Amino acid sequence: MNFILTMILCSGVSLTCLPPYQVIDTFYEDQYSCLLKGYEKSIEQMEKIGRVVINEKKLFIKFYCIPEKKIDA
């Protein structure tokens, strides 16, 4: 079974989240690999957004790994 990483950016100020974003170009062979990449990508996104905006809007990133069957083209 393969897994797809899905990430969601949320604001603690407005109590809303953007629609989920699926990183569909990459399939992960197991949940462990997918979760590790989720933590890495969350850190990358936080660094891109920056400390000031994260703190002002109380942003946080949620992610989860969805089991998917890989469809070969």
PDB file of N, CA and C in Angstrom:
ATOM      1  N   MET A   1       0.851  -1.173   0.000  1.00  0.00           N
ATOM      2  CA  MET A   1       0.000   0.000   0.000  1.00  0.00           C
ATOM      3  C   MET A   1       0.895   1.234   0.000  1.00  0.00           C
ATOM      4  N   ASN A   2       0.465   2.250  -0.691  1.00  0.00           N
ATOM      5  CA  ASN A   2       1.181   3.515  -0.744  1.00  0.00           C
ATOM      6  C   ASN A   2       0.412   4.580   0.016  1.00  0.00           C
ATOM      7  N   PHE A   3       1.125   5.631   0.405  1.00  0.00           N
ATOM      8  CA  PHE A   3       0.518   6.712   1.159  1.00  0.00           C
ATOM      9  C   PHE A   3       0.780   8.040   0.468  1.00  0.00           C
ATOM     10  N   ILE A   4      -0.201   8.931   0.549  1.00  0.00           N
ATOM     11  CA  ILE A   4      -0.080  10.284   0.021  1.00  0.00           C
ATOM     12  C   ILE A   4      -0.092  11.243   1.199  1.00  0.00           C
ATOM     13  N   LEU A   5       0.840  12.184   1.194  1.00  0.00           N
ATOM     14  CA  LEU A   5       0.932  13.189   2.244  1.00  0.00           C
ATOM     15  C   LEU A   5      -0.058  14.313   1.961  1.00  0.00           C
ATOM     16  N   THR A   6      -0.867  14.653   2.949  1.00  0.00           N
ATOM     17  CA  THR A   6      -1.836  15.744   2.844  1.00  0.00           C
ATOM     18  C   THR A   6      -1.556  16.740   3.960  1.00  0.00           C
ATOM     19  N   MET A   7      -1.425  18.019   3.568  1.00  0.00           N
ATOM     20  CA  MET A   7      -1.069  19.061   4.534  1.00  0.00           C
ATOM     21  C   MET A   7      -2.172  20.120   4.578  1.00  0.00           C
ATOM     22  N   ILE A   8      -2.338  20.720   5.761  1.00  0.00           N
ATOM     23  CA  ILE A   8      -3.359  21.747   5.966  1.00  0.00           C
ATOM     24  C   ILE A   8      -2.758  22.868   6.800  1.00  0.00           C
ATOM     25  N   LEU A   9      -2.889  24.098   6.310  1.00  0.00           N
ATOM     26  CA  LEU A   9      -2.436  25.277   7.045  1.00  0.00           C
ATOM     27  C   LEU A   9      -3.633  25.891   7.759  1.00  0.00           C
ATOM     28  N   CYS A  10      -3.497  26.113   9.064  1.00  0.00           N
ATOM     29  CA  CYS A  10      -4.598  26.626   9.876  1.00  0.00           C
ATOM     30  C   CYS A  10      -4.170  27.873  10.650  1.00  0.00           C
ATOM     31  N   SER A  11      -5.166  28.688  11.006  1.00  0.00           N
ATOM     32  CA  SER A  11      -4.932  29.882  11.808  1.00  0.00           C
ATOM     33  C   SER A  11      -5.672  29.766  13.127  1.00  0.00           C
ATOM     34  N   GLY A  12      -4.945  29.954  14.214  1.00  0.00           N
ATOM     35  CA  GLY A  12      -5.560  29.952  15.532  1.00  0.00           C
ATOM     36  C   GLY A  12      -6.288  31.252  15.824  1.00  0.00           C
ATOM     37  N   VAL A  13      -6.003  32.306  15.067  1.00  0.00           N
ATOM     38  CA  VAL A  13      -6.685  33.598  15.252  1.00  0.00           C
ATOM     39  C   VAL A  13      -8.082  33.543  14.649  1.00  0.00           C
ATOM     40  N   SER A  14      -8.163  33.115  13.376  1.00  0.00           N
ATOM     41  CA  SER A  14      -9.465  33.081  12.701  1.00  0.00           C
ATOM     42  C   SER A  14     -10.184  31.748  12.876  1.00  0.00           C
ATOM     43  N   LEU A  15      -9.508  30.784  13.483  1.00  0.00           N
ATOM     44  CA  LEU A  15     -10.074  29.442  13.693  1.00  0.00           C
ATOM     45  C   LEU A  15     -10.546  28.819  12.380  1.00  0.00           C
ATOM     46  N   THR A  16      -9.717  28.995  11.329  1.00  0.00           N
ATOM     47  CA  THR A  16     -10.018  28.421  10.028  1.00  0.00           C
ATOM     48  C   THR A  16      -8.787  27.729   9.480  1.00  0.00           C
ATOM     49  N   CYS A  17      -9.028  26.872   8.501  1.00  0.00           N
ATOM     50  CA  CYS A  17      -7.945  26.178   7.811  1.00  0.00           C
ATOM     51  C   CYS A  17      -8.150  26.328   6.307  1.00  0.00           C
ATOM     52  N   LEU A  18      -7.040  26.374   5.589  1.00  0.00           N
ATOM     53  CA  LEU A  18      -7.118  26.342   4.131  1.00  0.00           C
ATOM     54  C   LEU A  18      -7.498  24.927   3.706  1.00  0.00           C
ATOM     55  N   PRO A  19      -7.972  24.776   2.473  1.00  0.00           N
ATOM     56  CA  PRO A  19      -8.276  23.413   2.003  1.00  0.00           C
ATOM     57  C   PRO A  19      -7.023  22.531   2.034  1.00  0.00           C
ATOM     58  N   PRO A  20      -7.194  21.243   2.252  1.00  0.00           N
ATOM     59  CA  PRO A  20      -6.038  20.340   2.276  1.00  0.00           C
ATOM     60  C   PRO A  20      -5.286  20.374   0.959  1.00  0.00           C
ATOM     61  N   TYR A  21      -3.976  20.255   1.059  1.00  0.00           N
ATOM     62  CA  TYR A  21      -3.112  20.200  -0.110  1.00  0.00           C
ATOM     63  C   TYR A  21      -2.449  18.833  -0.134  1.00  0.00           C
ATOM     64  N   GLN A  22      -2.686  18.086  -1.213  1.00  0.00           N
ATOM     65  CA  GLN A  22      -2.084  16.764  -1.326  1.00  0.00           C
ATOM     66  C   GLN A  22      -0.831  16.831  -2.176  1.00  0.00           C
ATOM     67  N   VAL A  23       0.244  16.294  -1.659  1.00  0.00           N
ATOM     68  CA  VAL A  23       1.484  16.178  -2.409  1.00  0.00           C
ATOM     69  C   VAL A  23       1.359  14.887  -3.204  1.00  0.00           C
ATOM     70  N   ILE A  24       0.694  14.977  -4.354  1.00  0.00           N
ATOM     71  CA  ILE A  24       0.324  13.755  -5.082  1.00  0.00           C
ATOM     72  C   ILE A  24       1.405  13.243  -6.019  1.00  0.00           C
ATOM     73  N   ASP A  25       2.465  14.012  -6.220  1.00  0.00           N
ATOM     74  CA  ASP A  25       3.531  13.549  -7.110  1.00  0.00           C
ATOM     75  C   ASP A  25       4.383  12.460  -6.470  1.00  0.00           C
ATOM     76  N   THR A  26       4.303  12.339  -5.166  1.00  0.00           N
ATOM     77  CA  THR A  26       5.145  11.380  -4.458  1.00  0.00           C
ATOM     78  C   THR A  26       4.288  10.426  -3.641  1.00  0.00           C
ATOM     79  N   PHE A  27       4.527   9.154  -3.838  1.00  0.00           N
ATOM     80  CA  PHE A  27       3.886   8.139  -3.015  1.00  0.00           C
ATOM     81  C   PHE A  27       4.924   7.624  -2.036  1.00  0.00           C
ATOM     82  N   TYR A  28       4.504   7.359  -0.815  1.00  0.00           N
ATOM     83  CA  TYR A  28       5.402   6.836   0.211  1.00  0.00           C
ATOM     84  C   TYR A  28       5.048   5.382   0.445  1.00  0.00           C
ATOM     85  N   GLU A  29       6.069   4.560   0.600  1.00  0.00           N
ATOM     86  CA  GLU A  29       5.848   3.116   0.676  1.00  0.00           C
ATOM     87  C   GLU A  29       5.181   2.666   1.965  1.00  0.00           C
ATOM     88  N   ASP A  30       5.302   3.494   3.018  1.00  0.00           N
ATOM     89  CA  ASP A  30       4.651   3.142   4.280  1.00  0.00           C
ATOM     90  C   ASP A  30       4.326   4.418   5.055  1.00  0.00           C
ATOM     91  N   GLN A  31       3.544   4.256   6.091  1.00  0.00           N
ATOM     92  CA  GLN A  31       3.113   5.404   6.876  1.00  0.00           C
ATOM     93  C   GLN A  31       4.296   6.098   7.537  1.00  0.00           C
ATOM     94  N   TYR A  32       5.269   5.325   7.985  1.00  0.00           N
ATOM     95  CA  TYR A  32       6.447   5.882   8.641  1.00  0.00           C
ATOM     96  C   TYR A  32       7.164   6.879   7.730  1.00  0.00           C
ATOM     97  N   SER A  33       7.427   6.483   6.491  1.00  0.00           N
ATOM     98  CA  SER A  33       8.112   7.364   5.533  1.00  0.00           C
ATOM     99  C   SER A  33       7.290   8.614   5.251  1.00  0.00           C
ATOM    100  N   CYS A  34       6.008   8.438   5.116  1.00  0.00           N
ATOM    101  CA  CYS A  34       5.111   9.560   4.847  1.00  0.00           C
ATOM    102  C   CYS A  34       5.105  10.547   6.019  1.00  0.00           C
ATOM    103  N   LEU A  35       5.023  10.032   7.223  1.00  0.00           N
ATOM    104  CA  LEU A  35       5.015  10.907   8.403  1.00  0.00           C
ATOM    105  C   LEU A  35       6.324  11.661   8.558  1.00  0.00           C
ATOM    106  N   LEU A  36       7.443  10.999   8.312  1.00  0.00           N
ATOM    107  CA  LEU A  36       8.733  11.697   8.388  1.00  0.00           C
ATOM    108  C   LEU A  36       8.769  12.864   7.410  1.00  0.00           C
ATOM    109  N   LYS A  37       8.296  12.630   6.181  1.00  0.00           N
ATOM    110  CA  LYS A  37       8.276  13.694   5.179  1.00  0.00           C
ATOM    111  C   LYS A  37       7.306  14.799   5.585  1.00  0.00           C
ATOM    112  N   GLY A  38       6.215  14.443   6.242  1.00  0.00           N
ATOM    113  CA  GLY A  38       5.260  15.448   6.711  1.00  0.00           C
ATOM    114  C   GLY A  38       5.893  16.399   7.718  1.00  0.00           C
ATOM    115  N   TYR A  39       6.675  15.863   8.637  1.00  0.00           N
ATOM    116  CA  TYR A  39       7.364  16.728   9.602  1.00  0.00           C
ATOM    117  C   TYR A  39       8.382  17.616   8.895  1.00  0.00           C
ATOM    118  N   GLU A  40       9.126  17.052   7.950  1.00  0.00           N
ATOM    119  CA  GLU A  40      10.120  17.833   7.213  1.00  0.00           C
ATOM    120  C   GLU A  40       9.459  18.973   6.439  1.00  0.00           C
ATOM    121  N   LYS A  41       8.405  18.650   5.705  1.00  0.00           N
ATOM    122  CA  LYS A  41       7.734  19.666   4.889  1.00  0.00           C
ATOM    123  C   LYS A  41       7.051  20.716   5.759  1.00  0.00           C
ATOM    124  N   SER A  42       6.545  20.323   6.922  1.00  0.00           N
ATOM    125  CA  SER A  42       5.939  21.288   7.843  1.00  0.00           C
ATOM    126  C   SER A  42       6.973  22.310   8.301  1.00  0.00           C
ATOM    127  N   ILE A  43       8.152  21.839   8.640  1.00  0.00           N
ATOM    128  CA  ILE A  43       9.228  22.749   9.058  1.00  0.00           C
ATOM    129  C   ILE A  43       9.607  23.672   7.911  1.00  0.00           C
ATOM    130  N   GLU A  44       9.747  23.116   6.695  1.00  0.00           N
ATOM    131  CA  GLU A  44      10.087  23.944   5.529  1.00  0.00           C
ATOM    132  C   GLU A  44       9.062  25.053   5.327  1.00  0.00           C
ATOM    133  N   GLN A  45       7.786  24.707   5.408  1.00  0.00           N
ATOM    134  CA  GLN A  45       6.729  25.701   5.205  1.00  0.00           C
ATOM    135  C   GLN A  45       6.737  26.762   6.298  1.00  0.00           C
ATOM    136  N   MET A  46       6.942  26.352   7.537  1.00  0.00           N
ATOM    137  CA  MET A  46       6.999  27.320   8.634  1.00  0.00           C
ATOM    138  C   MET A  46       8.153  28.288   8.433  1.00  0.00           C
ATOM    139  N   GLU A  47       9.299  27.784   7.990  1.00  0.00           N
ATOM    140  CA  GLU A  47      10.447  28.649   7.749  1.00  0.00           C
ATOM    141  C   GLU A  47      10.167  29.620   6.604  1.00  0.00           C
ATOM    142  N   LYS A  48       9.450  29.184   5.572  1.00  0.00           N
ATOM    143  CA  LYS A  48       9.093  30.068   4.455  1.00  0.00           C
ATOM    144  C   LYS A  48       8.132  31.166   4.910  1.00  0.00           C
ATOM    145  N   ILE A  49       7.161  30.797   5.723  1.00  0.00           N
ATOM    146  CA  ILE A  49       6.164  31.769   6.198  1.00  0.00           C
ATOM    147  C   ILE A  49       6.825  32.771   7.134  1.00  0.00           C
ATOM    148  N   GLY A  50       7.643  32.304   8.032  1.00  0.00           N
ATOM    149  CA  GLY A  50       8.398  33.166   8.927  1.00  0.00           C
ATOM    150  C   GLY A  50       7.794  33.327  10.311  1.00  0.00           C
ATOM    151  N   ARG A  51       8.668  33.636  11.236  1.00  0.00           N
ATOM    152  CA  ARG A  51       8.316  33.761  12.650  1.00  0.00           C
ATOM    153  C   ARG A  51       7.227  34.816  12.891  1.00  0.00           C
ATOM    154  N   VAL A  52       7.368  35.997  12.269  1.00  0.00           N
ATOM    155  CA  VAL A  52       6.441  37.102  12.526  1.00  0.00           C
ATOM    156  C   VAL A  52       5.018  36.721  12.139  1.00  0.00           C
ATOM    157  N   VAL A  53       4.832  36.217  10.924  1.00  0.00           N
ATOM    158  CA  VAL A  53       3.485  35.862  10.461  1.00  0.00           C
ATOM    159  C   VAL A  53       2.923  34.686  11.259  1.00  0.00           C
ATOM    160  N   ILE A  54       3.761  33.691  11.523  1.00  0.00           N
ATOM    161  CA  ILE A  54       3.310  32.539  12.324  1.00  0.00           C
ATOM    162  C   ILE A  54       2.785  33.010  13.681  1.00  0.00           C
ATOM    163  N   ASN A  55       3.543  33.893  14.333  1.00  0.00           N
ATOM    164  CA  ASN A  55       3.141  34.373  15.659  1.00  0.00           C
ATOM    165  C   ASN A  55       1.926  35.290  15.595  1.00  0.00           C
ATOM    166  N   GLU A  56       1.861  36.176  14.604  1.00  0.00           N
ATOM    167  CA  GLU A  56       0.725  37.109  14.499  1.00  0.00           C
ATOM    168  C   GLU A  56      -0.587  36.374  14.265  1.00  0.00           C
ATOM    169  N   LYS A  57      -0.566  35.429  13.348  1.00  0.00           N
ATOM    170  CA  LYS A  57      -1.803  34.732  12.965  1.00  0.00           C
ATOM    171  C   LYS A  57      -1.985  33.400  13.675  1.00  0.00           C
ATOM    172  N   LYS A  58      -1.012  33.069  14.528  1.00  0.00           N
ATOM    173  CA  LYS A  58      -1.040  31.803  15.269  1.00  0.00           C
ATOM    174  C   LYS A  58      -1.251  30.618  14.314  1.00  0.00           C
ATOM    175  N   LEU A  59      -0.436  30.614  13.255  1.00  0.00           N
ATOM    176  CA  LEU A  59      -0.549  29.573  12.242  1.00  0.00           C
ATOM    177  C   LEU A  59       0.046  28.260  12.729  1.00  0.00           C
ATOM    178  N   PHE A  60      -0.512  27.186  12.236  1.00  0.00           N
ATOM    179  CA  PHE A  60       0.044  25.862  12.482  1.00  0.00           C
ATOM    180  C   PHE A  60      -0.287  24.977  11.299  1.00  0.00           C
ATOM    181  N   ILE A  61       0.503  23.946  11.140  1.00  0.00           N
ATOM    182  CA  ILE A  61       0.323  23.030  10.014  1.00  0.00           C
ATOM    183  C   ILE A  61      -0.051  21.661  10.558  1.00  0.00           C
ATOM    184  N   LYS A  62      -1.121  21.113   9.982  1.00  0.00           N
ATOM    185  CA  LYS A  62      -1.516  19.746  10.292  1.00  0.00           C
ATOM    186  C   LYS A  62      -1.204  18.911   9.053  1.00  0.00           C
ATOM    187  N   PHE A  63      -0.963  17.662   9.252  1.00  0.00           N
ATOM    188  CA  PHE A  63      -0.779  16.788   8.100  1.00  0.00           C
ATOM    189  C   PHE A  63      -1.188  15.375   8.477  1.00  0.00           C
ATOM    190  N   TYR A  64      -1.495  14.621   7.458  1.00  0.00           N
ATOM    191  CA  TYR A  64      -1.800  13.213   7.657  1.00  0.00           C
ATOM    192  C   TYR A  64      -1.467  12.453   6.385  1.00  0.00           C
ATOM    193  N   CYS A  65      -1.401  11.166   6.497  1.00  0.00           N
ATOM    194  CA  CYS A  65      -1.036  10.300   5.388  1.00  0.00           C
ATOM    195  C   CYS A  65      -2.234   9.431   5.013  1.00  0.00           C
ATOM    196  N   ILE A  66      -2.622   9.530   3.758  1.00  0.00           N
ATOM    197  CA  ILE A  66      -3.794   8.814   3.269  1.00  0.00           C
ATOM    198  C   ILE A  66      -3.344   7.561   2.527  1.00  0.00           C
ATOM    199  N   PRO A  67      -3.842   6.393   2.916  1.00  0.00           N
ATOM    200  CA  PRO A  67      -3.510   5.187   2.152  1.00  0.00           C
ATOM    201  C   PRO A  67      -4.159   5.258   0.767  1.00  0.00           C
ATOM    202  N   GLU A  68      -3.384   5.011  -0.249  1.00  0.00           N
ATOM    203  CA  GLU A  68      -3.862   5.073  -1.624  1.00  0.00           C
ATOM    204  C   GLU A  68      -3.268   3.928  -2.425  1.00  0.00           C
ATOM    205  N   LYS A  69      -4.000   3.504  -3.414  1.00  0.00           N
ATOM    206  CA  LYS A  69      -3.443   2.550  -4.366  1.00  0.00           C
ATOM    207  C   LYS A  69      -2.772   3.354  -5.457  1.00  0.00           C
ATOM    208  N   LYS A  70      -1.538   3.031  -5.759  1.00  0.00           N
ATOM    209  CA  LYS A  70      -0.801   3.740  -6.803  1.00  0.00           C
ATOM    210  C   LYS A  70      -1.344   3.304  -8.160  1.00  0.00           C
ATOM    211  N   ILE A  71      -1.688   4.307  -8.964  1.00  0.00           N
ATOM    212  CA  ILE A  71      -2.216   4.044 -10.298  1.00  0.00           C
ATOM    213  C   ILE A  71      -1.090   4.264 -11.294  1.00  0.00           C
ATOM    214  N   ASP A  72      -0.703   3.220 -11.993  1.00  0.00           N
ATOM    215  CA  ASP A  72       0.366   3.346 -12.986  1.00  0.00           C
ATOM    216  C   ASP A  72      -0.237   3.863 -14.293  1.00  0.00           C
ATOM    217  N   ALA A  73       0.454   4.861 -14.871  1.00  0.00           N
ATOM    218  CA  ALA A  73      -0.038   5.460 -16.110  1.00  0.00           C
ATOM    219  C   ALA A  73       0.392   4.651 -17.314  1.00  0.00           C
TER     220      ALA A  73
END
